[in-house]
Every structure is written in structure tokens, then in C-alpha cells.
């Protein structure tokens, strides 16, 4: 992906191309992931909101899209590229996303392998990152190596950890579903 300009400009394009609200969904009360037509809602917590700006930049740095496959890929990529630092919501969502993404194992494995050759932005300040040049940032985040048996061990470890985290996420969604449904306009819900 050859993309010039600042990270802020790239994020604006990312939101526009993906049909995401200009603020990236930060102001939304609920996050709704859909598996087919089945909604999987959960509250858009302050912890998730703090991680969202860096998560969106990681999409651009990694060159990964949105949608179910893209979110599964970015989950694997973020874990492989150094994890999520102090962003506990991002850790939980990435582990659950990688596990759900095993429906598309080739995509998840490729993204994980690509992530092992880069660092992600969870160690950076979101405000400083927005003014950086995206191409230069991508180059600065590239790291050597990351393939082989150590990558297989890290992938396996994350996948094992993802099982209980994914189960907890699924339970949270089941508890949230009736509350979310009561807050929706019955005409607007597909």
C-alpha cells in the first residue's frame, strides 16, 4: 500500500473508505460486530475508546482493511507486532478477534507473520502519531526477522490464551444483547 501524507490524513481516508464515522466511532455508545446478520453488541467503554485511535492507525500501517476478516487480521497483527501495551481492552478484543478469525485461518496466520516483522503503535502517544508522515512511520516500525519456530510458539501461546478470553467476550455479548436490543429503534435494526 503506497500512501502518502500524514497519519491524520490517512485515518480520515480510512474512515471515509470504510464507511466509519469521522470520529472513528469513539462517540458511539455501542460497538456492534456482525457475524452475517447476527449482531454481537458490547459497550464502547472508555478503555476501548483510548485504544481506538492507535488501532485505526495500526490498520493503515499494516495495510489491513476493516470488516470481519480485516478485524481478525489486525487482531493477529497487533498481537504479533508487540501486543497492546497498557491497553487492556485492546488485548481482550485482539485475543477474541484472533480466535473468531480462525474461521479464516490463512488470513490470520499471514497477518500474524507480517506482524512479527513490525512494531505497532500502542507504545506511542496518539496525538503525536497523527502529525507523522505515514510512509516514514511505516518504515520506522519495520523490524528484522520474526519468522520461524519462535513465531509459531508465540502464535500458539496467544491462541491458547484466546480461548478463555474469547469465551468471556462471548458471555459479555450474550449479556449485552438484550440490553442493546432494548435501546434500538425496531424499524432501523435489520
Foldseek 3Di string as FASTA:
>chain_A
DDDKDALLVVLQVQCVVQVAPSLRCLPPQWDWADDDLRTQIDGNDPLNSQCRLQLSSLCVLLVFHDHLLSQLLSLLLQLLQPHQPPRVVSNLSSLLSVLVNVVVVVSNVVSNQSSVQFHGPNVDDSVVRRNHISVVVSVVGGHDDRDDDVSVVSVVVSNVVSVVSNVVSNVNSVVCVVVVVVPDDVVPRD
